[in-house]
Amino acid sequence: MTSMKKFCIAAQGGGMVACYHSGVISALKEKFGFHKLSRVIATSGAAATYSYLVSGQQELIQPIWADLVGGGKFVTPWKFPPGKRVMNIDFLVDEIIRKKYPVDLQALNTSPVRFEVGVTDAGTGDSVFFPMESRVDFFELLRASCCVPYVSRDKVMIDGRAYCDGTIGSVSGLERTGNEENILLVLTRPDRPLKKLHLLRKIMGWLLIRGETRELRDAIWDVMARYNDIPRHVKQIRRTKNIAVIQPKKPLPIFRIDTSLDRMTRTIRQGYTDTMEHTGLDEFFARMA
């Protein structure tokens, strides 16, 4: 079992709203530091963001987000058919993460912090997490984890299986924390239930994913219910373990698909403020003393 003096971060994805994690990371480093961090579990944009924390390149996180939002090459809102491939995941991985702001793979692989990236099996709809020691191509793993059906690119093949957006299969990563005693959950949505989709959005949603397998479609439709179940899951964990939740106190300024630098800046600032003003974090870290 993990030492009581170490903690794990489970980080939720969510497209451009994942820039919220940048502010959270800055505040955590400033107030508590990461010397007790032993594991990070992340999907989608959160996986890309936390990879730079685990590799010791935290200073690159905010410049990367600014480049992605303001550069005009990652998100192209006006596409036809509407919404088709509006997010250029290949640009994110190949031009930003591999070339312009290269993640230090050696540092990532040798880090004392265990790093796990979640993807969704496109055939079964199941969540699959790959730790760095699995030796799967890290860039293909990130490409798959960020690959949102319809709005980005086709599935990503890893060892002969097709994978896509990790947040579909795992909305929080909490199911991976079973052997952890201290869990810091970082969410990108406020603490309020997601509203049911009205009929028009249901029809539009069905049209967008009708070409996927039945299992993947079911997993996509089930995301809302599983997200709304997070508070119950946290309450259950809290009975026997030390857990704290960082999440927006109010809806984030930025949208899941967005090109506004101003909204990005305000979202990062909100992540920082929500963390610095979090009244439960002092107690969370004190329990590991």
C-alpha atoms as a PDB file:
ATOM      1  CA  MET A   1       0.000   0.000   0.000  1.00  0.00           C
ATOM      2  CA  THR A   2       1.205   3.534  -0.780  1.00  0.00           C
ATOM      3  CA  SER A   3       2.898   5.361   2.123  1.00  0.00           C
ATOM      4  CA  MET A   4       0.661   7.624   4.181  1.00  0.00           C
ATOM      5  CA  LYS A   5       3.179  10.393   3.488  1.00  0.00           C
ATOM      6  CA  LYS A   6       2.584  10.356  -0.262  1.00  0.00           C
ATOM      7  CA  PHE A   7      -0.386  11.475  -2.352  1.00  0.00           C
ATOM      8  CA  CYS A   8      -1.894  10.816  -5.746  1.00  0.00           C
ATOM      9  CA  ILE A   9      -3.488  13.285  -8.174  1.00  0.00           C
ATOM     10  CA  ALA A  10      -6.421  12.173 -10.327  1.00  0.00           C
ATOM     11  CA  ALA A  11      -7.007  14.844 -12.996  1.00  0.00           C
ATOM     12  CA  GLN A  12     -10.093  15.216 -15.174  1.00  0.00           C
ATOM     13  CA  GLY A  13      -9.810  16.193 -18.845  1.00  0.00           C
ATOM     14  CA  GLY A  14     -12.225  18.264 -20.900  1.00  0.00           C
ATOM     15  CA  GLY A  15     -10.778  19.859 -24.019  1.00  0.00           C
ATOM     16  CA  MET A  16      -9.743  23.496 -23.604  1.00  0.00           C
ATOM     17  CA  VAL A  17     -11.139  23.646 -20.046  1.00  0.00           C
ATOM     18  CA  ALA A  18      -8.138  21.524 -19.041  1.00  0.00           C
ATOM     19  CA  CYS A  19      -6.123  24.762 -18.922  1.00  0.00           C
ATOM     20  CA  TYR A  20      -7.728  25.111 -15.460  1.00  0.00           C
ATOM     21  CA  HIS A  21      -5.122  22.583 -14.292  1.00  0.00           C
ATOM     22  CA  SER A  22      -2.358  25.050 -15.137  1.00  0.00           C
ATOM     23  CA  GLY A  23      -3.575  27.408 -12.420  1.00  0.00           C
ATOM     24  CA  VAL A  24      -4.112  24.530 -10.002  1.00  0.00           C
ATOM     25  CA  ILE A  25      -0.555  23.263 -10.526  1.00  0.00           C
ATOM     26  CA  SER A  26       0.931  26.733  -9.984  1.00  0.00           C
ATOM     27  CA  ALA A  27      -0.958  27.198  -6.717  1.00  0.00           C
ATOM     28  CA  LEU A  28      -0.139  23.716  -5.415  1.00  0.00           C
ATOM     29  CA  LYS A  29       3.550  24.226  -6.115  1.00  0.00           C
ATOM     30  CA  GLU A  30       3.547  27.620  -4.430  1.00  0.00           C
ATOM     31  CA  LYS A  31       1.607  26.576  -1.331  1.00  0.00           C
ATOM     32  CA  PHE A  32       2.489  22.925  -0.749  1.00  0.00           C
ATOM     33  CA  GLY A  33       5.069  21.738  -3.262  1.00  0.00           C
ATOM     34  CA  PHE A  34       5.120  18.348  -4.976  1.00  0.00           C
ATOM     35  CA  HIS A  35       7.774  16.544  -2.914  1.00  0.00           C
ATOM     36  CA  LYS A  36       5.085  14.184  -1.571  1.00  0.00           C
ATOM     37  CA  LEU A  37       3.498  13.482  -4.966  1.00  0.00           C
ATOM     38  CA  SER A  38       3.892   9.825  -5.936  1.00  0.00           C
ATOM     39  CA  ARG A  39       1.399   9.275  -8.750  1.00  0.00           C
ATOM     40  CA  VAL A  40      -0.629  11.155 -11.383  1.00  0.00           C
ATOM     41  CA  ILE A  41      -3.635   9.666 -13.168  1.00  0.00           C
ATOM     42  CA  ALA A  42      -4.910  11.792 -16.055  1.00  0.00           C
ATOM     43  CA  THR A  43      -6.803  11.803 -19.334  1.00  0.00           C
ATOM     44  CA  SER A  44      -7.100  14.033 -22.390  1.00  0.00           C
ATOM     45  CA  GLY A  45      -5.851  17.620 -21.998  1.00  0.00           C
ATOM     46  CA  ALA A  46      -5.063  16.977 -18.338  1.00  0.00           C
ATOM     47  CA  ALA A  47      -2.682  14.182 -19.370  1.00  0.00           C
ATOM     48  CA  ALA A  48      -0.823  16.524 -21.711  1.00  0.00           C
ATOM     49  CA  THR A  49      -0.647  19.205 -19.004  1.00  0.00           C
ATOM     50  CA  TYR A  50       0.524  16.988 -16.137  1.00  0.00           C
ATOM     51  CA  SER A  51       3.153  15.279 -18.291  1.00  0.00           C
ATOM     52  CA  TYR A  52       5.144  18.528 -18.035  1.00  0.00           C
ATOM     53  CA  LEU A  53       4.773  18.561 -14.263  1.00  0.00           C
ATOM     54  CA  VAL A  54       5.978  14.960 -13.948  1.00  0.00           C
ATOM     55  CA  SER A  55       8.912  15.606 -16.302  1.00  0.00           C
ATOM     56  CA  GLY A  56       9.983  18.671 -14.297  1.00  0.00           C
ATOM     57  CA  GLN A  57       9.056  21.154 -17.039  1.00  0.00           C
ATOM     58  CA  GLN A  58       6.257  22.991 -15.298  1.00  0.00           C
ATOM     59  CA  GLU A  59       7.450  26.351 -16.637  1.00  0.00           C
ATOM     60  CA  LEU A  60       6.282  25.299 -20.131  1.00  0.00           C
ATOM     61  CA  ILE A  61       2.647  24.621 -19.209  1.00  0.00           C
ATOM     62  CA  GLN A  62       1.219  28.134 -19.473  1.00  0.00           C
ATOM     63  CA  PRO A  63       3.178  29.062 -22.639  1.00  0.00           C
ATOM     64  CA  ILE A  64       1.869  25.902 -24.294  1.00  0.00           C
ATOM     65  CA  TRP A  65      -1.728  26.744 -23.443  1.00  0.00           C
ATOM     66  CA  ALA A  66      -1.277  30.303 -24.686  1.00  0.00           C
ATOM     67  CA  ASP A  67       0.175  28.971 -27.949  1.00  0.00           C
ATOM     68  CA  LEU A  68      -2.648  26.462 -28.410  1.00  0.00           C
ATOM     69  CA  VAL A  69      -5.420  28.955 -27.761  1.00  0.00           C
ATOM     70  CA  GLY A  70      -3.962  31.974 -29.507  1.00  0.00           C
ATOM     71  CA  GLY A  71      -1.988  30.372 -32.324  1.00  0.00           C
ATOM     72  CA  GLY A  72      -4.961  29.673 -34.549  1.00  0.00           C
ATOM     73  CA  LYS A  73      -3.765  26.212 -35.607  1.00  0.00           C
ATOM     74  CA  PHE A  74      -5.090  23.933 -32.867  1.00  0.00           C
ATOM     75  CA  VAL A  75      -8.759  24.932 -32.853  1.00  0.00           C
ATOM     76  CA  THR A  76     -10.527  25.940 -36.058  1.00  0.00           C
ATOM     77  CA  PRO A  77     -14.201  26.510 -35.144  1.00  0.00           C
ATOM     78  CA  TRP A  78     -15.537  26.993 -38.663  1.00  0.00           C
ATOM     79  CA  LYS A  79     -15.408  23.619 -40.335  1.00  0.00           C
ATOM     80  CA  PHE A  80     -17.789  21.745 -42.629  1.00  0.00           C
ATOM     81  CA  PRO A  81     -19.525  19.523 -41.761  1.00  0.00           C
ATOM     82  CA  PRO A  82     -20.070  21.637 -38.604  1.00  0.00           C
ATOM     83  CA  GLY A  83     -17.758  20.579 -35.800  1.00  0.00           C
ATOM     84  CA  LYS A  84     -15.884  17.981 -37.852  1.00  0.00           C
ATOM     85  CA  ARG A  85     -12.212  17.914 -36.804  1.00  0.00           C
ATOM     86  CA  VAL A  86     -12.297  21.382 -35.272  1.00  0.00           C
ATOM     87  CA  MET A  87      -9.506  20.307 -32.898  1.00  0.00           C
ATOM     88  CA  ASN A  88      -6.226  19.394 -34.572  1.00  0.00           C
ATOM     89  CA  ILE A  89      -4.829  16.761 -32.219  1.00  0.00           C
ATOM     90  CA  ASP A  90      -1.989  15.926 -34.621  1.00  0.00           C
ATOM     91  CA  PHE A  91      -0.821  19.553 -34.426  1.00  0.00           C
ATOM     92  CA  LEU A  92      -0.958  19.381 -30.622  1.00  0.00           C
ATOM     93  CA  VAL A  93       1.149  16.230 -30.452  1.00  0.00           C
ATOM     94  CA  ASP A  94       3.503  16.564 -33.417  1.00  0.00           C
ATOM     95  CA  GLU A  95       4.152  20.306 -33.537  1.00  0.00           C
ATOM     96  CA  ILE A  96       3.676  21.449 -29.938  1.00  0.00           C
ATOM     97  CA  ILE A  97       4.538  18.538 -27.639  1.00  0.00           C
ATOM     98  CA  ARG A  98       7.189  16.868 -29.801  1.00  0.00           C
ATOM     99  CA  LYS A  99       8.848  19.894 -31.426  1.00  0.00           C
ATOM    100  CA  LYS A 100       8.126  23.391 -30.128  1.00  0.00           C
ATOM    101  CA  TYR A 101       7.888  22.484 -26.434  1.00  0.00           C
ATOM    102  CA  PRO A 102       9.427  18.997 -26.393  1.00  0.00           C
ATOM    103  CA  VAL A 103       8.478  16.992 -23.346  1.00  0.00           C
ATOM    104  CA  ASP A 104      11.508  15.355 -21.729  1.00  0.00           C
ATOM    105  CA  LEU A 105      10.719  11.672 -22.249  1.00  0.00           C
ATOM    106  CA  GLN A 106      13.751  10.485 -20.317  1.00  0.00           C
ATOM    107  CA  ALA A 107      12.735  12.570 -17.303  1.00  0.00           C
ATOM    108  CA  LEU A 108       9.164  11.367 -17.675  1.00  0.00           C
ATOM    109  CA  ASN A 109      10.234   7.721 -17.753  1.00  0.00           C
ATOM    110  CA  THR A 110      12.635   8.023 -14.825  1.00  0.00           C
ATOM    111  CA  SER A 111      10.526  10.328 -12.653  1.00  0.00           C
ATOM    112  CA  PRO A 112       9.798   9.106  -9.090  1.00  0.00           C
ATOM    113  CA  VAL A 113       6.203  10.149  -9.798  1.00  0.00           C
ATOM    114  CA  ARG A 114       4.314   7.337 -11.496  1.00  0.00           C
ATOM    115  CA  PHE A 115       2.371   8.722 -14.465  1.00  0.00           C
ATOM    116  CA  GLU A 116      -0.649   6.984 -16.015  1.00  0.00           C
ATOM    117  CA  VAL A 117      -2.563   8.126 -19.097  1.00  0.00           C
ATOM    118  CA  GLY A 118      -6.119   6.985 -19.702  1.00  0.00           C
ATOM    119  CA  VAL A 119      -7.663   6.169 -23.088  1.00  0.00           C
ATOM    120  CA  THR A 120     -10.962   4.611 -24.135  1.00  0.00           C
ATOM    121  CA  ASP A 121     -11.121   1.391 -26.135  1.00  0.00           C
ATOM    122  CA  ALA A 122     -13.197   2.377 -29.173  1.00  0.00           C
ATOM    123  CA  GLY A 123     -14.455  -1.178 -29.599  1.00  0.00           C
ATOM    124  CA  THR A 124     -15.616  -1.867 -26.055  1.00  0.00           C
ATOM    125  CA  GLY A 125     -16.093   1.615 -24.593  1.00  0.00           C
ATOM    126  CA  ASP A 126     -13.916   0.569 -21.630  1.00  0.00           C
ATOM    127  CA  SER A 127     -11.316   2.743 -19.950  1.00  0.00           C
ATOM    128  CA  VAL A 128      -7.683   1.613 -20.242  1.00  0.00           C
ATOM    129  CA  PHE A 129      -4.796   3.238 -18.356  1.00  0.00           C
ATOM    130  CA  PHE A 130      -1.216   2.934 -19.520  1.00  0.00           C
ATOM    131  CA  PRO A 131       1.568   3.640 -17.003  1.00  0.00           C
ATOM    132  CA  MET A 132       4.859   4.916 -18.385  1.00  0.00           C
ATOM    133  CA  GLU A 133       6.525   1.572 -17.652  1.00  0.00           C
ATOM    134  CA  SER A 134       4.246  -0.052 -20.229  1.00  0.00           C
ATOM    135  CA  ARG A 135       6.615   1.430 -22.839  1.00  0.00           C
ATOM    136  CA  VAL A 136       3.780   2.320 -25.187  1.00  0.00           C
ATOM    137  CA  ASP A 137       4.739   5.194 -27.523  1.00  0.00           C
ATOM    138  CA  PHE A 138       3.957   8.188 -25.295  1.00  0.00           C
ATOM    139  CA  PHE A 139       3.058  10.503 -28.158  1.00  0.00           C
ATOM    140  CA  GLU A 140       0.578   8.017 -29.607  1.00  0.00           C
ATOM    141  CA  LEU A 141      -0.847   7.538 -26.125  1.00  0.00           C
ATOM    142  CA  LEU A 142      -1.437  11.282 -25.752  1.00  0.00           C
ATOM    143  CA  ARG A 143      -2.837  11.441 -29.282  1.00  0.00           C
ATOM    144  CA  ALA A 144      -5.352   8.761 -28.377  1.00  0.00           C
ATOM    145  CA  SER A 145      -6.262  10.232 -25.000  1.00  0.00           C
ATOM    146  CA  CYS A 146      -7.049  13.612 -26.598  1.00  0.00           C
ATOM    147  CA  CYS A 147      -8.858  12.158 -29.623  1.00  0.00           C
ATOM    148  CA  VAL A 148     -12.496  13.208 -29.206  1.00  0.00           C
ATOM    149  CA  PRO A 149     -14.811  11.358 -31.630  1.00  0.00           C
ATOM    150  CA  TYR A 150     -15.943  13.503 -34.557  1.00  0.00           C
ATOM    151  CA  VAL A 151     -14.464  16.812 -33.311  1.00  0.00           C
ATOM    152  CA  SER A 152     -10.817  15.814 -33.682  1.00  0.00           C
ATOM    153  CA  ARG A 153      -9.426  12.928 -35.732  1.00  0.00           C
ATOM    154  CA  ASP A 154      -9.958   9.238 -36.400  1.00  0.00           C
ATOM    155  CA  LYS A 155      -9.104   6.707 -33.713  1.00  0.00           C
ATOM    156  CA  VAL A 156      -5.493   6.014 -32.774  1.00  0.00           C
ATOM    157  CA  MET A 157      -4.134   2.489 -33.114  1.00  0.00           C
ATOM    158  CA  ILE A 158      -2.029   1.126 -30.243  1.00  0.00           C
ATOM    159  CA  ASP A 159      -0.922  -2.503 -30.354  1.00  0.00           C
ATOM    160  CA  GLY A 160      -3.613  -3.312 -32.907  1.00  0.00           C
ATOM    161  CA  ARG A 161      -6.539  -1.764 -31.027  1.00  0.00           C
ATOM    162  CA  ALA A 162      -8.330   1.524 -31.699  1.00  0.00           C
ATOM    163  CA  TYR A 163      -8.464   4.072 -28.864  1.00  0.00           C
ATOM    164  CA  CYS A 164      -9.953   7.525 -28.358  1.00  0.00           C
ATOM    165  CA  ASP A 165     -10.667  10.208 -25.737  1.00  0.00           C
ATOM    166  CA  GLY A 166      -9.769   8.903 -22.298  1.00  0.00           C
ATOM    167  CA  THR A 167     -12.420  10.972 -20.522  1.00  0.00           C
ATOM    168  CA  ILE A 168     -15.195   8.953 -22.172  1.00  0.00           C
ATOM    169  CA  GLY A 169     -14.191   5.797 -20.337  1.00  0.00           C
ATOM    170  CA  SER A 170     -13.056   7.486 -17.127  1.00  0.00           C
ATOM    171  CA  VAL A 171     -14.651  10.784 -16.112  1.00  0.00           C
ATOM    172  CA  SER A 172     -12.432  11.256 -13.050  1.00  0.00           C
ATOM    173  CA  GLY A 173      -9.788   8.536 -12.738  1.00  0.00           C
ATOM    174  CA  LEU A 174     -11.015   7.701  -9.236  1.00  0.00           C
ATOM    175  CA  GLU A 175     -11.481   4.040 -10.124  1.00  0.00           C
ATOM    176  CA  ARG A 176      -7.674   3.811 -10.477  1.00  0.00           C
ATOM    177  CA  THR A 177      -6.955   5.043  -6.938  1.00  0.00           C
ATOM    178  CA  GLY A 178      -7.949   1.912  -5.022  1.00  0.00           C
ATOM    179  CA  ASN A 179      -4.541   1.369  -3.412  1.00  0.00           C
ATOM    180  CA  GLU A 180      -3.962   5.040  -2.541  1.00  0.00           C
ATOM    181  CA  GLU A 181      -4.412   6.494   0.949  1.00  0.00           C
ATOM    182  CA  ASN A 182      -4.239  10.185  -0.005  1.00  0.00           C
ATOM    183  CA  ILE A 183      -6.104  11.284  -3.120  1.00  0.00           C
ATOM    184  CA  LEU A 184      -6.292  14.778  -4.590  1.00  0.00           C
ATOM    185  CA  LEU A 185      -9.034  14.875  -7.214  1.00  0.00           C
ATOM    186  CA  VAL A 186      -8.910  17.815  -9.638  1.00  0.00           C
ATOM    187  CA  LEU A 187     -12.100  18.345 -11.635  1.00  0.00           C
ATOM    188  CA  THR A 188     -12.825  20.839 -14.408  1.00  0.00           C
ATOM    189  CA  ARG A 189     -16.546  21.258 -13.707  1.00  0.00           C
ATOM    190  CA  PRO A 190     -18.274  22.962 -10.757  1.00  0.00           C
ATOM    191  CA  ASP A 191     -19.973  20.923  -8.032  1.00  0.00           C
ATOM    192  CA  ARG A 192     -23.407  20.760  -9.611  1.00  0.00           C
ATOM    193  CA  PRO A 193     -25.208  18.006 -11.545  1.00  0.00           C
ATOM    194  CA  LEU A 194     -25.076  18.070 -15.325  1.00  0.00           C
ATOM    195  CA  LYS A 195     -28.448  18.855 -16.801  1.00  0.00           C
ATOM    196  CA  LYS A 196     -30.243  16.368 -19.001  1.00  0.00           C
ATOM    197  CA  LEU A 197     -29.883  16.969 -22.720  1.00  0.00           C
ATOM    198  CA  HIS A 198     -32.926  18.414 -24.435  1.00  0.00           C
ATOM    199  CA  LEU A 199     -34.290  16.594 -27.479  1.00  0.00           C
ATOM    200  CA  LEU A 200     -32.461  18.655 -30.112  1.00  0.00           C
ATOM    201  CA  ARG A 201     -29.075  18.092 -28.462  1.00  0.00           C
ATOM    202  CA  LYS A 202     -29.840  14.390 -28.169  1.00  0.00           C
ATOM    203  CA  ILE A 203     -30.590  14.220 -31.882  1.00  0.00           C
ATOM    204  CA  MET A 204     -27.435  16.186 -32.741  1.00  0.00           C
ATOM    205  CA  GLY A 205     -25.377  13.993 -30.451  1.00  0.00           C
ATOM    206  CA  TRP A 206     -26.714  10.843 -32.063  1.00  0.00           C
ATOM    207  CA  LEU A 207     -25.921  12.170 -35.541  1.00  0.00           C
ATOM    208  CA  LEU A 208     -22.323  12.908 -34.512  1.00  0.00           C
ATOM    209  CA  ILE A 209     -21.570   9.475 -33.046  1.00  0.00           C
ATOM    210  CA  ARG A 210     -23.873   7.211 -35.046  1.00  0.00           C
ATOM    211  CA  GLY A 211     -20.869   5.698 -36.851  1.00  0.00           C
ATOM    212  CA  GLU A 212     -19.243   4.467 -33.630  1.00  0.00           C
ATOM    213  CA  THR A 213     -19.626   1.009 -32.130  1.00  0.00           C
ATOM    214  CA  ARG A 214     -22.681   0.451 -29.941  1.00  0.00           C
ATOM    215  CA  GLU A 215     -20.421  -0.012 -26.923  1.00  0.00           C
ATOM    216  CA  LEU A 216     -18.636   3.306 -27.492  1.00  0.00           C
ATOM    217  CA  ARG A 217     -21.945   5.104 -28.078  1.00  0.00           C
ATOM    218  CA  ASP A 218     -23.264   3.685 -24.808  1.00  0.00           C
ATOM    219  CA  ALA A 219     -20.135   4.845 -22.981  1.00  0.00           C
ATOM    220  CA  ILE A 220     -20.509   8.357 -24.428  1.00  0.00           C
ATOM    221  CA  TRP A 221     -24.172   8.593 -23.410  1.00  0.00           C
ATOM    222  CA  ASP A 222     -23.254   7.314 -19.942  1.00  0.00           C
ATOM    223  CA  VAL A 223     -20.660  10.030 -19.279  1.00  0.00           C
ATOM    224  CA  MET A 224     -23.225  12.420 -17.782  1.00  0.00           C
ATOM    225  CA  ALA A 225     -24.562   9.877 -15.283  1.00  0.00           C
ATOM    226  CA  ARG A 226     -21.053   8.831 -14.258  1.00  0.00           C
ATOM    227  CA  TYR A 227     -20.022  12.437 -13.756  1.00  0.00           C
ATOM    228  CA  ASN A 228     -23.050  13.110 -11.584  1.00  0.00           C
ATOM    229  CA  ASP A 229     -22.060  10.070  -9.519  1.00  0.00           C
ATOM    230  CA  ILE A 230     -18.647  11.521  -8.590  1.00  0.00           C
ATOM    231  CA  PRO A 231     -19.841  13.167  -5.308  1.00  0.00           C
ATOM    232  CA  ARG A 232     -21.228   9.820  -4.101  1.00  0.00           C
ATOM    233  CA  HIS A 233     -17.974   8.115  -5.017  1.00  0.00           C
ATOM    234  CA  VAL A 234     -15.941  10.768  -3.170  1.00  0.00           C
ATOM    235  CA  LYS A 235     -18.166  10.455  -0.094  1.00  0.00           C
ATOM    236  CA  GLN A 236     -17.647   6.710  -0.107  1.00  0.00           C
ATOM    237  CA  ILE A 237     -13.861   7.065  -0.350  1.00  0.00           C
ATOM    238  CA  ARG A 238     -13.799   9.666   2.416  1.00  0.00           C
ATOM    239  CA  ARG A 239     -15.075   7.115   4.929  1.00  0.00           C
ATOM    240  CA  THR A 240     -11.734   5.331   4.979  1.00  0.00           C
ATOM    241  CA  LYS A 241      -9.215   7.537   3.162  1.00  0.00           C
ATOM    242  CA  ASN A 242      -7.854  11.057   2.949  1.00  0.00           C
ATOM    243  CA  ILE A 243      -9.346  12.766  -0.102  1.00  0.00           C
ATOM    244  CA  ALA A 244      -9.697  16.380  -1.205  1.00  0.00           C
ATOM    245  CA  VAL A 245     -11.406  17.757  -4.306  1.00  0.00           C
ATOM    246  CA  ILE A 246     -10.327  20.864  -6.219  1.00  0.00           C
ATOM    247  CA  GLN A 247     -12.878  22.076  -8.736  1.00  0.00           C
ATOM    248  CA  PRO A 248     -14.246  25.356 -10.114  1.00  0.00           C
ATOM    249  CA  LYS A 249     -16.357  27.307  -7.636  1.00  0.00           C
ATOM    250  CA  LYS A 250     -18.278  28.718 -10.594  1.00  0.00           C
ATOM    251  CA  PRO A 251     -18.553  27.835 -14.310  1.00  0.00           C
ATOM    252  CA  LEU A 252     -15.266  28.330 -16.120  1.00  0.00           C
ATOM    253  CA  PRO A 253     -14.920  31.256 -18.549  1.00  0.00           C
ATOM    254  CA  ILE A 254     -13.492  29.062 -21.308  1.00  0.00           C
ATOM    255  CA  PHE A 255     -15.475  26.584 -23.408  1.00  0.00           C
ATOM    256  CA  ARG A 256     -14.445  23.024 -24.277  1.00  0.00           C
ATOM    257  CA  ILE A 257     -13.641  24.283 -27.794  1.00  0.00           C
ATOM    258  CA  ASP A 258     -12.421  27.875 -27.619  1.00  0.00           C
ATOM    259  CA  THR A 259      -9.970  30.359 -29.165  1.00  0.00           C
ATOM    260  CA  SER A 260     -10.148  33.199 -26.636  1.00  0.00           C
ATOM    261  CA  LEU A 261      -6.885  34.088 -24.884  1.00  0.00           C
ATOM    262  CA  ASP A 262      -8.801  36.239 -22.429  1.00  0.00           C
ATOM    263  CA  ARG A 263     -11.058  33.363 -21.370  1.00  0.00           C
ATOM    264  CA  MET A 264      -8.052  31.067 -21.142  1.00  0.00           C
ATOM    265  CA  THR A 265      -6.190  33.533 -18.902  1.00  0.00           C
ATOM    266  CA  ARG A 266      -9.219  33.944 -16.643  1.00  0.00           C
ATOM    267  CA  THR A 267      -9.663  30.166 -16.449  1.00  0.00           C
ATOM    268  CA  ILE A 268      -6.044  29.623 -15.400  1.00  0.00           C
ATOM    269  CA  ARG A 269      -6.401  32.425 -12.847  1.00  0.00           C
ATOM    270  CA  GLN A 270      -9.557  30.772 -11.512  1.00  0.00           C
ATOM    271  CA  GLY A 271      -7.714  27.460 -11.110  1.00  0.00           C
ATOM    272  CA  TYR A 272      -5.022  29.267  -9.136  1.00  0.00           C
ATOM    273  CA  THR A 273      -7.515  31.133  -6.938  1.00  0.00           C
ATOM    274  CA  ASP A 274      -9.745  28.103  -6.313  1.00  0.00           C
ATOM    275  CA  THR A 275      -6.686  26.205  -5.101  1.00  0.00           C
ATOM    276  CA  MET A 276      -5.155  28.953  -2.993  1.00  0.00           C
ATOM    277  CA  GLU A 277      -8.496  29.627  -1.266  1.00  0.00           C
ATOM    278  CA  HIS A 278      -9.391  25.953  -0.785  1.00  0.00           C
ATOM    279  CA  THR A 279     -10.031  25.594   2.945  1.00  0.00           C
ATOM    280  CA  GLY A 280      -9.661  21.808   2.983  1.00  0.00           C
ATOM    281  CA  LEU A 281      -6.187  21.488   1.462  1.00  0.00           C
ATOM    282  CA  ASP A 282      -4.307  22.439   4.618  1.00  0.00           C
ATOM    283  CA  GLU A 283      -5.998  19.578   6.471  1.00  0.00           C
ATOM    284  CA  PHE A 284      -5.454  17.198   3.536  1.00  0.00           C
ATOM    285  CA  PHE A 285      -1.700  17.793   3.513  1.00  0.00           C
ATOM    286  CA  ALA A 286      -1.474  17.926   7.318  1.00  0.00           C
ATOM    287  CA  ARG A 287      -2.745  14.352   7.502  1.00  0.00           C
ATOM    288  CA  MET A 288       0.370  13.268   5.623  1.00  0.00           C
ATOM    289  CA  ALA A 289       2.760  14.912   8.071  1.00  0.00           C
END
